[in-house]
């Protein structure tokens, strides 16, 4: 997903435009990226209330720790 935000005001005379791209990964891909960064999955939830991760979960909340 890519989106653009425009910020105006403050000490800048011209508006500042910020373009951001977000990348969403599934749990398996995220685990691979974390491993490549020296991290391991400690916990994983399906929402911010710490409910279990299922195929219908609205989120993937991951708690990662350094690999020992």
PDB file of N, CA and C in Angstrom:
ATOM      1  N   UNK A   1       0.845  -1.140   0.000  1.00  0.00           N
ATOM      2  CA  UNK A   1       0.000   0.000   0.000  1.00  0.00           C
ATOM      3  C   UNK A   1       0.907   1.224   0.000  1.00  0.00           C
ATOM      4  N   UNK A   2       0.630   2.154  -0.873  1.00  0.00           N
ATOM      5  CA  UNK A   2       1.386   3.402  -0.930  1.00  0.00           C
ATOM      6  C   UNK A   2       0.423   4.561  -0.744  1.00  0.00           C
ATOM      7  N   UNK A   3       0.826   5.521   0.076  1.00  0.00           N
ATOM      8  CA  UNK A   3      -0.008   6.699   0.284  1.00  0.00           C
ATOM      9  C   UNK A   3       0.867   7.923   0.469  1.00  0.00           C
ATOM     10  N   UNK A   4       0.263   9.086   0.274  1.00  0.00           N
ATOM     11  CA  UNK A   4       0.962  10.362   0.384  1.00  0.00           C
ATOM     12  C   UNK A   4       0.250  11.236   1.398  1.00  0.00           C
ATOM     13  N   UNK A   5       1.036  11.889   2.244  1.00  0.00           N
ATOM     14  CA  UNK A   5       0.507  12.851   3.208  1.00  0.00           C
ATOM     15  C   UNK A   5       1.178  14.193   2.976  1.00  0.00           C
ATOM     16  N   UNK A   6       0.422  15.268   3.153  1.00  0.00           N
ATOM     17  CA  UNK A   6       0.964  16.614   3.020  1.00  0.00           C
ATOM     18  C   UNK A   6       0.861  17.311   4.365  1.00  0.00           C
ATOM     19  N   UNK A   7       1.996  17.853   4.820  1.00  0.00           N
ATOM     20  CA  UNK A   7       2.063  18.554   6.092  1.00  0.00           C
ATOM     21  C   UNK A   7       2.317  20.033   5.812  1.00  0.00           C
ATOM     22  N   UNK A   8       1.496  20.877   6.382  1.00  0.00           N
ATOM     23  CA  UNK A   8       1.650  22.318   6.190  1.00  0.00           C
ATOM     24  C   UNK A   8       1.768  22.990   7.558  1.00  0.00           C
ATOM     25  N   UNK A   9       2.396  24.157   7.566  1.00  0.00           N
ATOM     26  CA  UNK A   9       2.508  24.912   8.804  1.00  0.00           C
ATOM     27  C   UNK A   9       3.876  24.735   9.439  1.00  0.00           C
ATOM     28  N   UNK A  10       3.960  25.167  10.666  1.00  0.00           N
ATOM     29  CA  UNK A  10       5.248  25.093  11.349  1.00  0.00           C
ATOM     30  C   UNK A  10       6.193  26.150  10.817  1.00  0.00           C
ATOM     31  N   UNK A  11       7.473  25.876  10.847  1.00  0.00           N
ATOM     32  CA  UNK A  11       8.468  26.864  10.433  1.00  0.00           C
ATOM     33  C   UNK A  11       8.807  26.778   8.941  1.00  0.00           C
ATOM     34  N   UNK A  12       8.187  25.857   8.203  1.00  0.00           N
ATOM     35  CA  UNK A  12       8.464  25.734   6.776  1.00  0.00           C
ATOM     36  C   UNK A  12       7.447  26.536   5.969  1.00  0.00           C
ATOM     37  N   UNK A  13       7.921  27.340   5.008  1.00  0.00           N
ATOM     38  CA  UNK A  13       6.972  28.137   4.207  1.00  0.00           C
ATOM     39  C   UNK A  13       6.199  27.276   3.195  1.00  0.00           C
ATOM     40  N   UNK A  14       6.788  26.178   2.740  1.00  0.00           N
ATOM     41  CA  UNK A  14       6.150  25.306   1.761  1.00  0.00           C
ATOM     42  C   UNK A  14       5.643  24.029   2.443  1.00  0.00           C
ATOM     43  N   UNK A  15       4.514  23.485   1.987  1.00  0.00           N
ATOM     44  CA  UNK A  15       4.052  22.201   2.528  1.00  0.00           C
ATOM     45  C   UNK A  15       5.076  21.103   2.265  1.00  0.00           C
ATOM     46  N   UNK A  16       5.142  20.163   3.156  1.00  0.00           N
ATOM     47  CA  UNK A  16       6.062  19.031   3.014  1.00  0.00           C
ATOM     48  C   UNK A  16       5.237  17.801   2.643  1.00  0.00           C
ATOM     49  N   UNK A  17       5.651  17.088   1.601  1.00  0.00           N
ATOM     50  CA  UNK A  17       4.943  15.909   1.121  1.00  0.00           C
ATOM     51  C   UNK A  17       5.750  14.673   1.496  1.00  0.00           C
ATOM     52  N   UNK A  18       5.073  13.718   2.100  1.00  0.00           N
ATOM     53  CA  UNK A  18       5.708  12.474   2.514  1.00  0.00           C
ATOM     54  C   UNK A  18       5.008  11.309   1.824  1.00  0.00           C
ATOM     55  N   UNK A  19       5.757  10.518   1.077  1.00  0.00           N
ATOM     56  CA  UNK A  19       5.213   9.343   0.405  1.00  0.00           C
ATOM     57  C   UNK A  19       5.697   8.110   1.158  1.00  0.00           C
ATOM     58  N   UNK A  20       4.773   7.239   1.520  1.00  0.00           N
ATOM     59  CA  UNK A  20       5.087   6.062   2.316  1.00  0.00           C
ATOM     60  C   UNK A  20       4.543   4.817   1.631  1.00  0.00           C
ATOM     61  N   UNK A  21       5.337   3.752   1.664  1.00  0.00           N
ATOM     62  CA  UNK A  21       4.890   2.459   1.157  1.00  0.00           C
ATOM     63  C   UNK A  21       4.967   1.444   2.292  1.00  0.00           C
ATOM     64  N   UNK A  22       3.855   0.774   2.550  1.00  0.00           N
ATOM     65  CA  UNK A  22       3.796  -0.267   3.570  1.00  0.00           C
ATOM     66  C   UNK A  22       3.752  -1.632   2.891  1.00  0.00           C
ATOM     67  N   UNK A  23       4.415  -2.587   3.489  1.00  0.00           N
ATOM     68  CA  UNK A  23       4.425  -3.947   2.963  1.00  0.00           C
ATOM     69  C   UNK A  23       3.853  -4.858   4.033  1.00  0.00           C
ATOM     70  N   UNK A  24       2.862  -5.638   3.679  1.00  0.00           N
ATOM     71  CA  UNK A  24       2.223  -6.540   4.620  1.00  0.00           C
ATOM     72  C   UNK A  24       2.662  -7.966   4.318  1.00  0.00           C
ATOM     73  N   UNK A  25       3.126  -8.664   5.329  1.00  0.00           N
ATOM     74  CA  UNK A  25       3.615 -10.033   5.181  1.00  0.00           C
ATOM     75  C   UNK A  25       2.713 -11.002   5.917  1.00  0.00           C
ATOM     76  N   UNK A  26       2.655 -12.244   5.443  1.00  0.00           N
ATOM     77  CA  UNK A  26       1.967 -13.262   6.222  1.00  0.00           C
ATOM     78  C   UNK A  26       2.919 -13.740   7.322  1.00  0.00           C
ATOM     79  N   UNK A  27       2.406 -14.540   8.240  1.00  0.00           N
ATOM     80  CA  UNK A  27       3.204 -14.983   9.386  1.00  0.00           C
ATOM     81  C   UNK A  27       4.472 -15.705   9.001  1.00  0.00           C
ATOM     82  N   UNK A  28       4.399 -16.569   8.004  1.00  0.00           N
ATOM     83  CA  UNK A  28       5.567 -17.344   7.582  1.00  0.00           C
ATOM     84  C   UNK A  28       6.661 -16.450   7.005  1.00  0.00           C
ATOM     85  N   UNK A  29       6.281 -15.509   6.152  1.00  0.00           N
ATOM     86  CA  UNK A  29       7.256 -14.586   5.569  1.00  0.00           C
ATOM     87  C   UNK A  29       7.874 -13.706   6.642  1.00  0.00           C
ATOM     88  N   UNK A  30       7.057 -13.246   7.592  1.00  0.00           N
ATOM     89  CA  UNK A  30       7.564 -12.418   8.678  1.00  0.00           C
ATOM     90  C   UNK A  30       8.580 -13.191   9.521  1.00  0.00           C
ATOM     91  N   UNK A  31       8.286 -14.463   9.806  1.00  0.00           N
ATOM     92  CA  UNK A  31       9.217 -15.296  10.564  1.00  0.00           C
ATOM     93  C   UNK A  31      10.556 -15.397   9.841  1.00  0.00           C
ATOM     94  N   UNK A  32      10.521 -15.535   8.524  1.00  0.00           N
ATOM     95  CA  UNK A  32      11.759 -15.602   7.741  1.00  0.00           C
ATOM     96  C   UNK A  32      12.569 -14.322   7.809  1.00  0.00           C
ATOM     97  N   UNK A  33      11.911 -13.179   7.690  1.00  0.00           N
ATOM     98  CA  UNK A  33      12.617 -11.898   7.791  1.00  0.00           C
ATOM     99  C   UNK A  33      13.207 -11.698   9.188  1.00  0.00           C
ATOM    100  N   UNK A  34      12.447 -12.076  10.208  1.00  0.00           N
ATOM    101  CA  UNK A  34      12.951 -11.954  11.580  1.00  0.00           C
ATOM    102  C   UNK A  34      14.181 -12.832  11.784  1.00  0.00           C
ATOM    103  N   UNK A  35      14.136 -14.054  11.288  1.00  0.00           N
ATOM    104  CA  UNK A  35      15.289 -14.960  11.411  1.00  0.00           C
ATOM    105  C   UNK A  35      16.516 -14.364  10.725  1.00  0.00           C
ATOM    106  N   UNK A  36      16.310 -13.757   9.570  1.00  0.00           N
ATOM    107  CA  UNK A  36      17.419 -13.117   8.866  1.00  0.00           C
ATOM    108  C   UNK A  36      18.015 -11.955   9.632  1.00  0.00           C
ATOM    109  N   UNK A  37      17.240 -11.373  10.534  1.00  0.00           N
ATOM    110  CA  UNK A  37      17.710 -10.257  11.364  1.00  0.00           C
ATOM    111  C   UNK A  37      18.216 -10.734  12.727  1.00  0.00           C
ATOM    112  N   UNK A  38      18.290 -12.061  12.916  1.00  0.00           N
ATOM    113  CA  UNK A  38      18.785 -12.590  14.183  1.00  0.00           C
ATOM    114  C   UNK A  38      17.738 -12.625  15.286  1.00  0.00           C
ATOM    115  N   UNK A  39      16.461 -12.659  14.893  1.00  0.00           N
ATOM    116  CA  UNK A  39      15.369 -12.680  15.871  1.00  0.00           C
ATOM    117  C   UNK A  39      14.546 -13.949  15.708  1.00  0.00           C
ATOM    118  N   UNK A  40      13.870 -14.343  16.770  1.00  0.00           N
ATOM    119  CA  UNK A  40      12.970 -15.486  16.738  1.00  0.00           C
ATOM    120  C   UNK A  40      11.619 -15.075  17.317  1.00  0.00           C
ATOM    121  N   UNK A  41      10.565 -15.702  16.854  1.00  0.00           N
ATOM    122  CA  UNK A  41       9.219 -15.380  17.332  1.00  0.00           C
ATOM    123  C   UNK A  41       9.041 -15.957  18.734  1.00  0.00           C
ATOM    124  N   UNK A  42       8.725 -15.096  19.677  1.00  0.00           N
ATOM    125  CA  UNK A  42       8.463 -15.531  21.056  1.00  0.00           C
ATOM    126  C   UNK A  42       6.968 -15.750  21.270  1.00  0.00           C
ATOM    127  N   UNK A  43       6.149 -14.886  20.690  1.00  0.00           N
ATOM    128  CA  UNK A  43       4.694 -14.978  20.810  1.00  0.00           C
ATOM    129  C   UNK A  43       4.067 -14.411  19.553  1.00  0.00           C
ATOM    130  N   UNK A  44       2.884 -14.867  19.233  1.00  0.00           N
ATOM    131  CA  UNK A  44       2.163 -14.343  18.077  1.00  0.00           C
ATOM    132  C   UNK A  44       0.679 -14.353  18.408  1.00  0.00           C
ATOM    133  N   UNK A  45       0.005 -13.232  18.098  1.00  0.00           N
ATOM    134  CA  UNK A  45      -1.420 -13.065  18.387  1.00  0.00           C
ATOM    135  C   UNK A  45      -2.163 -12.641  17.130  1.00  0.00           C
ATOM    136  N   UNK A  46      -3.467 -12.818  17.162  1.00  0.00           N
ATOM    137  CA  UNK A  46      -4.307 -12.447  16.029  1.00  0.00           C
ATOM    138  C   UNK A  46      -4.933 -11.079  16.139  1.00  0.00           C
ATOM    139  N   UNK A  47      -4.763 -10.423  17.291  1.00  0.00           N
ATOM    140  CA  UNK A  47      -5.287  -9.075  17.486  1.00  0.00           C
ATOM    141  C   UNK A  47      -4.626  -8.485  18.726  1.00  0.00           C
ATOM    142  N   UNK A  48      -4.871  -7.212  18.976  1.00  0.00           N
ATOM    143  CA  UNK A  48      -4.215  -6.518  20.086  1.00  0.00           C
ATOM    144  C   UNK A  48      -4.706  -6.995  21.455  1.00  0.00           C
ATOM    145  N   UNK A  49      -5.791  -7.759  21.490  1.00  0.00           N
ATOM    146  CA  UNK A  49      -6.278  -8.300  22.760  1.00  0.00           C
ATOM    147  C   UNK A  49      -5.596  -9.624  23.120  1.00  0.00           C
ATOM    148  N   UNK A  50      -4.579  -9.996  22.353  1.00  0.00           N
ATOM    149  CA  UNK A  50      -3.793 -11.228  22.534  1.00  0.00           C
ATOM    150  C   UNK A  50      -4.582 -12.495  22.232  1.00  0.00           C
ATOM    151  N   UNK A  51      -5.595 -12.384  21.397  1.00  0.00           N
ATOM    152  CA  UNK A  51      -6.336 -13.564  20.980  1.00  0.00           C
ATOM    153  C   UNK A  51      -5.465 -14.390  20.035  1.00  0.00           C
ATOM    154  N   UNK A  52      -5.733 -15.699  19.924  1.00  0.00           N
ATOM    155  CA  UNK A  52      -4.909 -16.565  19.070  1.00  0.00           C
ATOM    156  C   UNK A  52      -4.948 -16.135  17.600  1.00  0.00           C
ATOM    157  N   UNK A  53      -3.862 -16.373  16.900  1.00  0.00           N
ATOM    158  CA  UNK A  53      -3.781 -16.076  15.472  1.00  0.00           C
ATOM    159  C   UNK A  53      -4.501 -17.175  14.700  1.00  0.00           C
ATOM    160  N   UNK A  54      -5.465 -16.795  13.881  1.00  0.00           N
ATOM    161  CA  UNK A  54      -6.194 -17.721  13.014  1.00  0.00           C
ATOM    162  C   UNK A  54      -6.250 -17.127  11.614  1.00  0.00           C
ATOM    163  N   UNK A  55      -6.768 -17.893  10.672  1.00  0.00           N
ATOM    164  CA  UNK A  55      -6.901 -17.403   9.295  1.00  0.00           C
ATOM    165  C   UNK A  55      -7.834 -16.202   9.212  1.00  0.00           C
ATOM    166  N   UNK A  56      -8.740 -16.063  10.174  1.00  0.00           N
ATOM    167  CA  UNK A  56      -9.693 -14.947  10.167  1.00  0.00           C
ATOM    168  C   UNK A  56      -9.237 -13.752  11.003  1.00  0.00           C
ATOM    169  N   UNK A  57      -8.058 -13.832  11.606  1.00  0.00           N
ATOM    170  CA  UNK A  57      -7.570 -12.749  12.468  1.00  0.00           C
ATOM    171  C   UNK A  57      -7.363 -11.469  11.676  1.00  0.00           C
ATOM    172  N   UNK A  58      -7.718 -10.319  12.269  1.00  0.00           N
ATOM    173  CA  UNK A  58      -7.540  -9.054  11.560  1.00  0.00           C
ATOM    174  C   UNK A  58      -6.098  -8.548  11.560  1.00  0.00           C
ATOM    175  N   UNK A  59      -5.276  -9.065  12.450  1.00  0.00           N
ATOM    176  CA  UNK A  59      -3.894  -8.594  12.596  1.00  0.00           C
ATOM    177  C   UNK A  59      -2.954  -9.775  12.801  1.00  0.00           C
ATOM    178  N   UNK A  60      -1.667  -9.525  12.642  1.00  0.00           N
ATOM    179  CA  UNK A  60      -0.627 -10.464  13.079  1.00  0.00           C
ATOM    180  C   UNK A  60       0.263  -9.669  14.018  1.00  0.00           C
ATOM    181  N   UNK A  61       0.085  -9.886  15.314  1.00  0.00           N
ATOM    182  CA  UNK A  61       0.883  -9.216  16.322  1.00  0.00           C
ATOM    183  C   UNK A  61       2.003 -10.156  16.723  1.00  0.00           C
ATOM    184  N   UNK A  62       3.243  -9.766  16.517  1.00  0.00           N
ATOM    185  CA  UNK A  62       4.381 -10.637  16.756  1.00  0.00           C
ATOM    186  C   UNK A  62       5.310 -10.040  17.798  1.00  0.00           C
ATOM    187  N   UNK A  63       5.677 -10.845  18.768  1.00  0.00           N
ATOM    188  CA  UNK A  63       6.680 -10.469  19.755  1.00  0.00           C
ATOM    189  C   UNK A  63       7.924 -11.274  19.407  1.00  0.00           C
ATOM    190  N   UNK A  64       9.032 -10.594  19.148  1.00  0.00           N
ATOM    191  CA  UNK A  64      10.264 -11.268  18.738  1.00  0.00           C
ATOM    192  C   UNK A  64      11.374 -10.976  19.743  1.00  0.00           C
ATOM    193  N   UNK A  65      12.271 -11.944  19.854  1.00  0.00           N
ATOM    194  CA  UNK A  65      13.418 -11.819  20.767  1.00  0.00           C
ATOM    195  C   UNK A  65      14.693 -12.203  20.003  1.00  0.00           C
ATOM    196  N   UNK A  66      15.836 -11.725  20.475  1.00  0.00           N
ATOM    197  CA  UNK A  66      17.097 -12.122  19.836  1.00  0.00           C
ATOM    198  C   UNK A  66      17.288 -13.629  19.884  1.00  0.00           C
ATOM    199  N   UNK A  67      17.794 -14.183  18.801  1.00  0.00           N
ATOM    200  CA  UNK A  67      18.117 -15.609  18.754  1.00  0.00           C
ATOM    201  C   UNK A  67      19.389 -15.842  19.573  1.00  0.00           C
ATOM    202  N   UNK A  68      19.361 -16.868  20.399  1.00  0.00           N
ATOM    203  CA  UNK A  68      20.539 -17.153  21.249  1.00  0.00           C
ATOM    204  C   UNK A  68      21.434 -18.161  20.627  1.00  0.00           C
TER     205      UNK A  68
END
